[in-house]
Amino acid sequence: MARERCELCSVAVAPEHRHLLELADSRVVCACDACALRFQSVIGGRFKLIPRDARQLADFKVTDAEWESLSLPINLVFIFHNSRTQKLTALYPSPAGATASLLPLENWSALVEKNPPLASLESDVEALLVNRVGETRDYFIARLTSVTASLV
């Protein structure tokens, strides 16, 4: 059985290895710990380190009216800052596949003011994942995956 390898140095990586986002083409690459850590907190480089964990925002605050002011046609959305376009982007499912929407920044700013963890989202590799389908009200800080990277 072939093992995955670090795409930077070619060393074999463990099943639970780190990933980097290659910004130029939104490609997710496998990385060993040594290579991955070289890109931690690097600003303006070719790669960004993708965080390992997602976390629930149990104390997230948004009223139905504030949510509606974002003008999203669906209640399941992945919101992140795209550094290449310098725009806040929302991805959501549609019958034609994932659809991107640009959010009104003034409404996002109000949401960030009420929910300080949003201010520390790392561009391109972290997002607010919202599930408001039916009676559900779940909010997470989620990491980028190869699926979401391919849609950017």
Protein backbone atom coordinates (compact mmCIF):
# COMPACT_ATOMS: atom_id res chain seq x y z
CA MET A 1 0.00 0.00 0.00
CA ALA A 2 1.43 3.38 -1.03
CA ARG A 3 1.79 5.97 1.71
CA GLU A 4 1.09 9.64 1.21
CA ARG A 5 4.13 11.87 1.00
CA CYS A 6 4.86 15.46 1.87
CA GLU A 7 4.45 17.39 -1.36
CA LEU A 8 7.33 19.69 -0.39
CA CYS A 9 10.09 17.33 0.78
CA SER A 10 8.73 13.88 -0.22
CA VAL A 11 9.04 12.29 3.24
CA ALA A 12 6.27 9.79 4.09
CA VAL A 13 3.53 11.37 6.22
CA ALA A 14 1.30 9.87 8.88
CA PRO A 15 -2.41 9.35 8.09
CA GLU A 16 -3.23 12.42 10.24
CA HIS A 17 -0.84 14.90 8.62
CA ARG A 18 -0.97 18.66 8.05
CA HIS A 19 -2.14 20.47 4.94
CA LEU A 20 -1.20 23.72 3.24
CA LEU A 21 -3.19 25.88 0.85
CA GLU A 22 -1.25 26.92 -2.24
CA LEU A 23 -2.75 30.36 -2.75
CA ALA A 24 -2.10 30.80 -6.48
CA ASP A 25 -4.44 28.00 -7.52
CA SER A 26 -6.32 27.15 -4.28
CA ARG A 27 -4.72 23.72 -4.21
CA VAL A 28 -4.50 21.80 -0.92
CA VAL A 29 -1.17 20.00 -0.49
CA CYS A 30 -0.07 17.38 2.03
CA ALA A 31 2.79 18.36 4.33
CA CYS A 32 4.90 16.73 7.02
CA ASP A 33 4.99 18.52 10.38
CA ALA A 34 8.43 20.01 9.73
CA CYS A 35 7.40 21.56 6.41
CA ALA A 36 3.97 22.62 7.66
CA LEU A 37 5.38 24.49 10.64
CA ARG A 38 7.60 26.54 8.32
CA PHE A 39 4.42 28.22 7.10
CA GLN A 40 2.80 28.92 10.47
CA SER A 41 2.12 32.67 10.80
CA VAL A 42 3.72 33.44 7.42
CA ILE A 43 2.11 36.46 5.77
CA GLY A 44 2.12 36.92 2.02
CA GLY A 45 3.77 33.62 1.14
CA ARG A 46 3.02 31.00 -1.48
CA PHE A 47 1.39 28.66 1.08
CA LYS A 48 -0.83 29.03 4.13
CA LEU A 49 -1.04 26.45 6.90
CA ILE A 50 -4.57 25.05 7.21
CA PRO A 51 -5.65 24.76 10.86
CA ARG A 52 -6.33 21.24 12.11
CA ASP A 53 -9.47 21.79 14.11
CA ALA A 54 -12.94 23.19 13.79
CA ARG A 55 -14.67 24.59 16.85
CA GLN A 56 -18.27 25.30 17.71
CA LEU A 57 -19.28 28.84 18.60
CA ALA A 58 -21.76 28.04 21.35
CA ASP A 59 -22.29 31.71 22.30
CA PHE A 60 -22.73 33.01 18.75
CA LYS A 61 -25.07 36.00 18.61
CA VAL A 62 -27.17 36.84 15.55
CA THR A 63 -30.83 37.75 15.33
CA ASP A 64 -33.04 36.55 12.51
CA ALA A 65 -33.14 40.13 11.19
CA GLU A 66 -29.34 40.42 11.23
CA TRP A 67 -29.05 37.10 9.40
CA GLU A 68 -31.57 38.26 6.79
CA SER A 69 -29.56 41.48 6.28
CA LEU A 70 -26.74 39.37 4.83
CA SER A 71 -29.04 38.67 1.85
CA LEU A 72 -28.17 34.99 1.55
CA PRO A 73 -30.82 32.85 -0.15
CA ILE A 74 -30.07 29.77 1.95
CA ASN A 75 -29.43 28.93 5.60
CA LEU A 76 -26.41 26.66 5.14
CA VAL A 77 -23.31 28.69 4.30
CA PHE A 78 -19.51 28.80 4.54
CA ILE A 79 -18.27 32.44 4.91
CA PHE A 80 -14.60 33.38 4.53
CA HIS A 81 -12.28 36.18 3.46
CA ASN A 82 -10.59 35.54 0.11
CA SER A 83 -7.19 37.26 0.11
CA ARG A 84 -6.82 37.08 -3.68
CA THR A 85 -10.02 39.02 -4.33
CA GLN A 86 -9.93 40.95 -1.02
CA LYS A 87 -13.62 40.14 -0.61
CA LEU A 88 -15.75 38.37 1.92
CA THR A 89 -17.26 35.34 0.19
CA ALA A 90 -20.11 33.03 1.08
CA LEU A 91 -20.36 29.56 -0.44
CA TYR A 92 -23.65 27.71 -0.26
CA PRO A 93 -25.24 24.70 -1.95
CA SER A 94 -27.57 25.13 -4.89
CA PRO A 95 -29.13 22.80 -7.47
CA ALA A 96 -26.29 23.71 -9.87
CA GLY A 97 -23.58 22.99 -7.27
CA ALA A 98 -21.81 25.33 -4.88
CA THR A 99 -22.59 28.98 -5.43
CA ALA A 100 -20.50 31.95 -4.33
CA SER A 101 -21.95 35.23 -3.12
CA LEU A 102 -20.25 38.42 -2.00
CA LEU A 103 -21.51 39.71 1.34
CA PRO A 104 -22.25 43.33 2.20
CA LEU A 105 -19.29 44.27 4.40
CA GLU A 106 -21.19 46.66 6.63
CA ASN A 107 -23.48 43.83 7.74
CA TRP A 108 -20.53 41.48 8.31
CA SER A 109 -18.79 44.12 10.45
CA ALA A 110 -21.81 44.28 12.77
CA LEU A 111 -21.75 40.49 13.09
CA VAL A 112 -18.03 40.51 13.93
CA GLU A 113 -18.60 43.21 16.54
CA LYS A 114 -21.12 40.97 18.33
CA ASN A 115 -18.97 37.82 17.88
CA PRO A 116 -15.27 38.61 18.53
CA PRO A 117 -13.95 35.16 17.44
CA LEU A 118 -14.86 36.12 13.86
CA ALA A 119 -12.27 38.90 13.93
CA SER A 120 -9.49 36.32 14.15
CA LEU A 121 -10.56 34.16 11.19
CA GLU A 122 -7.50 33.55 9.05
CA SER A 123 -8.09 34.55 5.43
CA ASP A 124 -8.45 31.71 2.93
CA VAL A 125 -8.13 28.84 5.42
CA GLU A 126 -10.80 29.48 8.09
CA ALA A 127 -14.47 30.29 7.76
CA LEU A 128 -17.69 30.73 9.63
CA LEU A 129 -19.82 27.67 8.92
CA VAL A 130 -23.51 28.40 9.54
CA ASN A 131 -26.36 25.90 9.73
CA ARG A 132 -29.73 27.60 10.23
CA VAL A 133 -31.77 24.98 8.39
CA GLY A 134 -35.19 24.55 9.99
CA GLU A 135 -34.94 25.06 13.75
CA THR A 136 -31.19 24.38 13.84
CA ARG A 137 -28.88 27.22 14.89
CA ASP A 138 -25.29 25.93 14.72
CA TYR A 139 -22.21 28.08 14.14
CA PHE A 140 -18.63 26.87 13.77
CA ILE A 141 -15.22 28.16 12.89
CA ALA A 142 -14.26 25.62 10.26
CA ARG A 143 -11.09 24.90 8.35
CA LEU A 144 -10.76 24.90 4.62
CA THR A 145 -10.95 21.51 2.93
CA SER A 146 -9.96 20.38 -0.53
CA VAL A 147 -13.64 20.56 -1.47
CA THR A 148 -14.08 24.20 -0.45
CA ALA A 149 -10.67 25.14 -1.89
CA SER A 150 -11.72 23.87 -5.31
CA LEU A 151 -14.76 26.17 -5.23
CA VAL A 152 -12.83 29.35 -4.52
